[in-house]
């Protein structure tokens, strides 16, 4: 069992954007750092339900496929679930729709709600207010021997990195400078020592860097 994290970031390390609106909550720069991932055949099938075979292949798609393989449980922050854009928090069940793409138990770190909700397709959202090590213990048990993925957002991933809890970190670095947002690397000087690093460049210009702990 491994603890994994995958993020899309800019050249200057930003994993979120600013300037969101109700019609475009992620902001105008979001597609610049996620475009290559969203365009892949795997993402289109898994998230959009597009089984036509449309979408890019190649290295970006290879990493998109790995993102979903072998995961038995997911951990995410309140922002990734969508609470910061909740129109009515008591009735808001995230921006992932009625059939979220996870298909595993998902533990949402939040103070806004407690309890669980079963969704279509095998995803169960459990809302909890736990420290990283505590929620990881719960997620490991739920994963049934498979990997646990810390899905995001960057502030949540950064907490797990700072506590030394991530075995495998993959970042897809888009060839764009943002200069604003939440920076994945803030406060992590020296992180990554003792990890094996692999770097590959995709046809899209995205640089895929993976840190793996032996």
C-alpha atoms as a PDB file:
ATOM      1  CA  UNK A   1       0.000   0.000   0.000  1.00  0.00           C
ATOM      2  CA  UNK A   2       1.331   3.435  -1.003  1.00  0.00           C
ATOM      3  CA  UNK A   3       0.190   6.963  -0.224  1.00  0.00           C
ATOM      4  CA  UNK A   4       0.064   8.950  -3.451  1.00  0.00           C
ATOM      5  CA  UNK A   5      -0.602  12.502  -4.593  1.00  0.00           C
ATOM      6  CA  UNK A   6      -0.973  13.982  -8.086  1.00  0.00           C
ATOM      7  CA  UNK A   7      -1.256  17.672  -8.901  1.00  0.00           C
ATOM      8  CA  UNK A   8      -1.174  19.947 -11.924  1.00  0.00           C
ATOM      9  CA  UNK A   9       0.967  23.031 -11.340  1.00  0.00           C
ATOM     10  CA  UNK A  10       2.504  25.944 -13.243  1.00  0.00           C
ATOM     11  CA  UNK A  11       6.212  26.459 -13.877  1.00  0.00           C
ATOM     12  CA  UNK A  12       6.344  28.723 -10.839  1.00  0.00           C
ATOM     13  CA  UNK A  13       4.634  26.142  -8.635  1.00  0.00           C
ATOM     14  CA  UNK A  14       1.057  27.403  -8.431  1.00  0.00           C
ATOM     15  CA  UNK A  15      -1.616  24.700  -8.245  1.00  0.00           C
ATOM     16  CA  UNK A  16      -4.676  26.963  -8.020  1.00  0.00           C
ATOM     17  CA  UNK A  17      -5.716  30.132  -9.781  1.00  0.00           C
ATOM     18  CA  UNK A  18      -7.513  33.279  -8.731  1.00  0.00           C
ATOM     19  CA  UNK A  19     -10.229  35.445 -10.202  1.00  0.00           C
ATOM     20  CA  UNK A  20     -13.026  32.856 -10.098  1.00  0.00           C
ATOM     21  CA  UNK A  21     -16.643  33.804 -10.769  1.00  0.00           C
ATOM     22  CA  UNK A  22     -19.921  31.919 -10.233  1.00  0.00           C
ATOM     23  CA  UNK A  23     -19.855  30.963 -13.921  1.00  0.00           C
ATOM     24  CA  UNK A  24     -16.159  30.063 -13.877  1.00  0.00           C
ATOM     25  CA  UNK A  25     -15.300  29.176 -10.260  1.00  0.00           C
ATOM     26  CA  UNK A  26     -11.787  27.943 -11.004  1.00  0.00           C
ATOM     27  CA  UNK A  27     -10.736  31.198 -12.641  1.00  0.00           C
ATOM     28  CA  UNK A  28      -9.507  32.081 -16.133  1.00  0.00           C
ATOM     29  CA  UNK A  29      -6.079  30.452 -15.721  1.00  0.00           C
ATOM     30  CA  UNK A  30      -7.285  27.014 -14.638  1.00  0.00           C
ATOM     31  CA  UNK A  31      -7.310  25.518 -18.124  1.00  0.00           C
ATOM     32  CA  UNK A  32      -3.716  26.641 -18.617  1.00  0.00           C
ATOM     33  CA  UNK A  33      -2.453  24.224 -15.961  1.00  0.00           C
ATOM     34  CA  UNK A  34      -4.982  21.402 -16.430  1.00  0.00           C
ATOM     35  CA  UNK A  35      -5.658  21.521 -20.178  1.00  0.00           C
ATOM     36  CA  UNK A  36      -3.347  18.653 -21.179  1.00  0.00           C
ATOM     37  CA  UNK A  37      -4.813  16.405 -18.478  1.00  0.00           C
ATOM     38  CA  UNK A  38      -8.437  17.250 -19.260  1.00  0.00           C
ATOM     39  CA  UNK A  39      -7.818  16.570 -22.954  1.00  0.00           C
ATOM     40  CA  UNK A  40      -6.732  12.957 -22.392  1.00  0.00           C
ATOM     41  CA  UNK A  41      -8.843   9.995 -23.402  1.00  0.00           C
ATOM     42  CA  UNK A  42      -8.762   8.622 -19.862  1.00  0.00           C
ATOM     43  CA  UNK A  43      -9.944  11.849 -18.228  1.00  0.00           C
ATOM     44  CA  UNK A  44     -12.757  12.273 -20.755  1.00  0.00           C
ATOM     45  CA  UNK A  45     -13.952   8.725 -20.141  1.00  0.00           C
ATOM     46  CA  UNK A  46     -13.550   8.682 -16.372  1.00  0.00           C
ATOM     47  CA  UNK A  47     -14.784  12.178 -15.492  1.00  0.00           C
ATOM     48  CA  UNK A  48     -17.039  13.137 -18.408  1.00  0.00           C
ATOM     49  CA  UNK A  49     -18.343   9.633 -19.145  1.00  0.00           C
ATOM     50  CA  UNK A  50     -17.233   9.951 -22.790  1.00  0.00           C
ATOM     51  CA  UNK A  51     -16.762   6.397 -24.082  1.00  0.00           C
ATOM     52  CA  UNK A  52     -16.334   7.455 -27.727  1.00  0.00           C
ATOM     53  CA  UNK A  53     -12.554   7.049 -27.592  1.00  0.00           C
ATOM     54  CA  UNK A  54     -12.029  10.768 -28.157  1.00  0.00           C
ATOM     55  CA  UNK A  55      -9.135  12.482 -26.427  1.00  0.00           C
ATOM     56  CA  UNK A  56      -5.378  12.544 -26.543  1.00  0.00           C
ATOM     57  CA  UNK A  57      -3.150   9.553 -25.959  1.00  0.00           C
ATOM     58  CA  UNK A  58       0.591   9.447 -25.378  1.00  0.00           C
ATOM     59  CA  UNK A  59       2.421  10.274 -22.167  1.00  0.00           C
ATOM     60  CA  UNK A  60      -0.225  12.612 -20.709  1.00  0.00           C
ATOM     61  CA  UNK A  61      -2.810   9.852 -21.051  1.00  0.00           C
ATOM     62  CA  UNK A  62      -0.431   7.301 -19.525  1.00  0.00           C
ATOM     63  CA  UNK A  63      -0.200   9.442 -16.398  1.00  0.00           C
ATOM     64  CA  UNK A  64      -3.947  10.035 -16.360  1.00  0.00           C
ATOM     65  CA  UNK A  65      -4.486   6.277 -16.439  1.00  0.00           C
ATOM     66  CA  UNK A  66      -2.055   5.740 -13.573  1.00  0.00           C
ATOM     67  CA  UNK A  67      -3.916   8.377 -11.575  1.00  0.00           C
ATOM     68  CA  UNK A  68      -6.944   6.106 -11.292  1.00  0.00           C
ATOM     69  CA  UNK A  69      -5.220   2.711 -11.059  1.00  0.00           C
ATOM     70  CA  UNK A  70      -4.839   0.814  -7.788  1.00  0.00           C
ATOM     71  CA  UNK A  71      -6.551   3.367  -5.545  1.00  0.00           C
ATOM     72  CA  UNK A  72      -8.721   2.069  -2.717  1.00  0.00           C
ATOM     73  CA  UNK A  73      -9.501   5.326  -0.901  1.00  0.00           C
ATOM     74  CA  UNK A  74      -9.195   9.076  -1.468  1.00  0.00           C
ATOM     75  CA  UNK A  75      -8.559  12.015   0.860  1.00  0.00           C
ATOM     76  CA  UNK A  76      -9.440  15.568  -0.162  1.00  0.00           C
ATOM     77  CA  UNK A  77      -9.806  19.008   1.367  1.00  0.00           C
ATOM     78  CA  UNK A  78     -13.007  21.026   1.592  1.00  0.00           C
ATOM     79  CA  UNK A  79     -12.002  23.144  -1.394  1.00  0.00           C
ATOM     80  CA  UNK A  80     -11.540  20.175  -3.711  1.00  0.00           C
ATOM     81  CA  UNK A  81     -14.953  18.904  -2.694  1.00  0.00           C
ATOM     82  CA  UNK A  82     -16.390  22.318  -3.478  1.00  0.00           C
ATOM     83  CA  UNK A  83     -17.492  23.745  -0.141  1.00  0.00           C
ATOM     84  CA  UNK A  84     -15.971  27.157  -0.902  1.00  0.00           C
ATOM     85  CA  UNK A  85     -18.453  27.474  -3.777  1.00  0.00           C
ATOM     86  CA  UNK A  86     -21.414  25.874  -1.988  1.00  0.00           C
ATOM     87  CA  UNK A  87     -24.623  27.809  -2.680  1.00  0.00           C
ATOM     88  CA  UNK A  88     -26.372  26.095   0.258  1.00  0.00           C
ATOM     89  CA  UNK A  89     -23.852  24.158   2.391  1.00  0.00           C
ATOM     90  CA  UNK A  90     -26.515  21.973   3.998  1.00  0.00           C
ATOM     91  CA  UNK A  91     -27.641  20.682   0.592  1.00  0.00           C
ATOM     92  CA  UNK A  92     -24.406  20.892  -1.380  1.00  0.00           C
ATOM     93  CA  UNK A  93     -22.896  17.551  -2.370  1.00  0.00           C
ATOM     94  CA  UNK A  94     -19.943  18.814  -4.312  1.00  0.00           C
ATOM     95  CA  UNK A  95     -19.285  19.687  -7.909  1.00  0.00           C
ATOM     96  CA  UNK A  96     -18.558  16.073  -8.858  1.00  0.00           C
ATOM     97  CA  UNK A  97     -22.170  15.334  -9.815  1.00  0.00           C
ATOM     98  CA  UNK A  98     -24.357  12.380  -8.886  1.00  0.00           C
ATOM     99  CA  UNK A  99     -21.735   9.883 -10.103  1.00  0.00           C
ATOM    100  CA  UNK A 100     -18.301  11.097  -8.957  1.00  0.00           C
ATOM    101  CA  UNK A 101     -15.287   9.640 -10.782  1.00  0.00           C
ATOM    102  CA  UNK A 102     -13.631   8.149  -7.681  1.00  0.00           C
ATOM    103  CA  UNK A 103     -15.660   4.928  -7.152  1.00  0.00           C
ATOM    104  CA  UNK A 104     -14.004   4.416  -3.745  1.00  0.00           C
ATOM    105  CA  UNK A 105     -14.484   5.775  -0.202  1.00  0.00           C
ATOM    106  CA  UNK A 106     -13.556   9.488  -0.132  1.00  0.00           C
ATOM    107  CA  UNK A 107     -12.715  11.295   3.109  1.00  0.00           C
ATOM    108  CA  UNK A 108     -13.371  15.039   2.972  1.00  0.00           C
ATOM    109  CA  UNK A 109     -11.502  17.137   5.530  1.00  0.00           C
ATOM    110  CA  UNK A 110     -13.948  19.816   6.674  1.00  0.00           C
ATOM    111  CA  UNK A 111     -15.504  21.485   9.689  1.00  0.00           C
ATOM    112  CA  UNK A 112     -18.678  22.242   7.745  1.00  0.00           C
ATOM    113  CA  UNK A 113     -20.289  18.819   7.809  1.00  0.00           C
ATOM    114  CA  UNK A 114     -20.051  15.384   9.394  1.00  0.00           C
ATOM    115  CA  UNK A 115     -21.403  11.951   8.522  1.00  0.00           C
ATOM    116  CA  UNK A 116     -21.399  10.140   5.173  1.00  0.00           C
ATOM    117  CA  UNK A 117     -23.244  10.172   1.874  1.00  0.00           C
ATOM    118  CA  UNK A 118     -23.343   7.359  -0.660  1.00  0.00           C
ATOM    119  CA  UNK A 119     -23.211   8.455  -4.296  1.00  0.00           C
ATOM    120  CA  UNK A 120     -23.799   6.559  -7.512  1.00  0.00           C
ATOM    121  CA  UNK A 121     -20.982   4.393  -8.840  1.00  0.00           C
ATOM    122  CA  UNK A 122     -19.435   3.297  -5.557  1.00  0.00           C
ATOM    123  CA  UNK A 123     -18.227   6.650  -4.192  1.00  0.00           C
ATOM    124  CA  UNK A 124     -19.011   7.375  -0.539  1.00  0.00           C
ATOM    125  CA  UNK A 125     -18.151  10.815   0.837  1.00  0.00           C
ATOM    126  CA  UNK A 126     -17.304  10.821   4.553  1.00  0.00           C
ATOM    127  CA  UNK A 127     -16.937  14.249   6.129  1.00  0.00           C
ATOM    128  CA  UNK A 128     -14.519  14.535   9.019  1.00  0.00           C
ATOM    129  CA  UNK A 129     -12.308  16.938  10.925  1.00  0.00           C
ATOM    130  CA  UNK A 130      -9.103  14.968  11.487  1.00  0.00           C
ATOM    131  CA  UNK A 131      -5.378  15.589  11.393  1.00  0.00           C
ATOM    132  CA  UNK A 132      -3.458  14.146   8.403  1.00  0.00           C
ATOM    133  CA  UNK A 133      -2.134  11.087  10.273  1.00  0.00           C
ATOM    134  CA  UNK A 134      -5.554  10.364  11.762  1.00  0.00           C
ATOM    135  CA  UNK A 135      -7.478  10.498   8.501  1.00  0.00           C
ATOM    136  CA  UNK A 136      -4.741   8.488   6.783  1.00  0.00           C
ATOM    137  CA  UNK A 137      -5.191   5.662   9.308  1.00  0.00           C
ATOM    138  CA  UNK A 138      -8.920   5.607   8.571  1.00  0.00           C
ATOM    139  CA  UNK A 139      -8.379   5.742   4.808  1.00  0.00           C
ATOM    140  CA  UNK A 140      -5.818   2.932   4.883  1.00  0.00           C
ATOM    141  CA  UNK A 141      -8.314   0.666   6.581  1.00  0.00           C
ATOM    142  CA  UNK A 142     -10.991   1.570   4.041  1.00  0.00           C
ATOM    143  CA  UNK A 143      -8.609   1.031   1.099  1.00  0.00           C
ATOM    144  CA  UNK A 144      -8.450  -2.720   1.678  1.00  0.00           C
ATOM    145  CA  UNK A 145      -4.773  -3.070   0.825  1.00  0.00           C
ATOM    146  CA  UNK A 146      -4.858  -0.737  -2.185  1.00  0.00           C
ATOM    147  CA  UNK A 147      -3.227   2.692  -2.345  1.00  0.00           C
ATOM    148  CA  UNK A 148      -4.540   5.842  -0.685  1.00  0.00           C
ATOM    149  CA  UNK A 149      -4.529   8.964  -2.826  1.00  0.00           C
ATOM    150  CA  UNK A 150      -4.382  12.456  -1.342  1.00  0.00           C
ATOM    151  CA  UNK A 151      -6.249  14.153  -4.143  1.00  0.00           C
ATOM    152  CA  UNK A 152      -5.902  17.787  -3.155  1.00  0.00           C
ATOM    153  CA  UNK A 153      -6.115  20.627  -3.156  1.00  0.00           C
ATOM    154  CA  UNK A 154      -2.551  21.868  -2.828  1.00  0.00           C
ATOM    155  CA  UNK A 155      -2.889  23.055   0.779  1.00  0.00           C
ATOM    156  CA  UNK A 156      -4.034  19.589   1.817  1.00  0.00           C
ATOM    157  CA  UNK A 157      -1.271  17.858  -0.151  1.00  0.00           C
ATOM    158  CA  UNK A 158       1.282  20.252   1.330  1.00  0.00           C
ATOM    159  CA  UNK A 159       0.222  19.265   4.860  1.00  0.00           C
ATOM    160  CA  UNK A 160       0.755  15.582   4.075  1.00  0.00           C
ATOM    161  CA  UNK A 161       4.111  16.320   2.433  1.00  0.00           C
ATOM    162  CA  UNK A 162       5.265  18.364   5.423  1.00  0.00           C
ATOM    163  CA  UNK A 163       4.368  15.484   7.750  1.00  0.00           C
ATOM    164  CA  UNK A 164       6.319  13.004   5.606  1.00  0.00           C
ATOM    165  CA  UNK A 165       3.217  10.978   4.733  1.00  0.00           C
ATOM    166  CA  UNK A 166       3.438  10.849   0.919  1.00  0.00           C
ATOM    167  CA  UNK A 167       5.256   7.909  -0.699  1.00  0.00           C
ATOM    168  CA  UNK A 168       4.748   8.976  -4.324  1.00  0.00           C
ATOM    169  CA  UNK A 169       4.218  12.533  -5.543  1.00  0.00           C
ATOM    170  CA  UNK A 170       3.518  13.235  -9.215  1.00  0.00           C
ATOM    171  CA  UNK A 171       3.291  16.787 -10.498  1.00  0.00           C
ATOM    172  CA  UNK A 172       2.369  17.677 -14.068  1.00  0.00           C
ATOM    173  CA  UNK A 173       4.081  21.002 -14.723  1.00  0.00           C
ATOM    174  CA  UNK A 174       2.386  23.077 -17.407  1.00  0.00           C
ATOM    175  CA  UNK A 175       4.632  25.423 -19.456  1.00  0.00           C
ATOM    176  CA  UNK A 176       2.983  28.580 -18.104  1.00  0.00           C
ATOM    177  CA  UNK A 177       3.771  31.184 -15.427  1.00  0.00           C
ATOM    178  CA  UNK A 178       0.874  32.260 -13.196  1.00  0.00           C
ATOM    179  CA  UNK A 179       2.444  34.334 -10.432  1.00  0.00           C
ATOM    180  CA  UNK A 180      -0.561  33.946  -8.136  1.00  0.00           C
ATOM    181  CA  UNK A 181      -2.691  31.345  -6.408  1.00  0.00           C
ATOM    182  CA  UNK A 182      -1.654  28.676  -3.888  1.00  0.00           C
ATOM    183  CA  UNK A 183       1.923  27.532  -4.328  1.00  0.00           C
ATOM    184  CA  UNK A 184       2.505  23.823  -3.705  1.00  0.00           C
ATOM    185  CA  UNK A 185       6.122  24.311  -2.597  1.00  0.00           C
ATOM    186  CA  UNK A 186       5.632  27.073  -0.044  1.00  0.00           C
ATOM    187  CA  UNK A 187       7.259  26.082   3.247  1.00  0.00           C
ATOM    188  CA  UNK A 188       8.640  22.803   1.844  1.00  0.00           C
ATOM    189  CA  UNK A 189      12.295  23.764   1.422  1.00  0.00           C
ATOM    190  CA  UNK A 190      14.389  20.586   1.442  1.00  0.00           C
ATOM    191  CA  UNK A 191      11.446  18.290   0.854  1.00  0.00           C
ATOM    192  CA  UNK A 192      12.180  15.344  -1.416  1.00  0.00           C
ATOM    193  CA  UNK A 193      15.569  14.360  -0.050  1.00  0.00           C
ATOM    194  CA  UNK A 194      15.836  10.580  -0.107  1.00  0.00           C
ATOM    195  CA  UNK A 195      13.266  10.196  -2.895  1.00  0.00           C
ATOM    196  CA  UNK A 196      13.980   8.801  -6.365  1.00  0.00           C
ATOM    197  CA  UNK A 197      13.052  11.347  -9.041  1.00  0.00           C
ATOM    198  CA  UNK A 198      11.893  10.618 -12.599  1.00  0.00           C
ATOM    199  CA  UNK A 199      11.199  13.365 -15.148  1.00  0.00           C
ATOM    200  CA  UNK A 200       9.474  12.959 -18.521  1.00  0.00           C
ATOM    201  CA  UNK A 201       8.253  15.530 -21.041  1.00  0.00           C
ATOM    202  CA  UNK A 202       5.003  14.884 -22.902  1.00  0.00           C
ATOM    203  CA  UNK A 203       4.023  15.893 -26.419  1.00  0.00           C
ATOM    204  CA  UNK A 204       1.900  18.696 -24.949  1.00  0.00           C
ATOM    205  CA  UNK A 205       4.944  20.325 -23.372  1.00  0.00           C
ATOM    206  CA  UNK A 206       3.857  19.206 -19.897  1.00  0.00           C
ATOM    207  CA  UNK A 207       6.738  18.012 -17.712  1.00  0.00           C
ATOM    208  CA  UNK A 208       5.825  15.061 -15.496  1.00  0.00           C
ATOM    209  CA  UNK A 209       7.987  14.777 -12.361  1.00  0.00           C
ATOM    210  CA  UNK A 210       7.545  11.891  -9.928  1.00  0.00           C
ATOM    211  CA  UNK A 211       9.172  11.559  -6.502  1.00  0.00           C
ATOM    212  CA  UNK A 212       9.066   8.008  -5.107  1.00  0.00           C
ATOM    213  CA  UNK A 213      10.194   6.874  -1.692  1.00  0.00           C
ATOM    214  CA  UNK A 214      11.952   3.502  -1.745  1.00  0.00           C
END
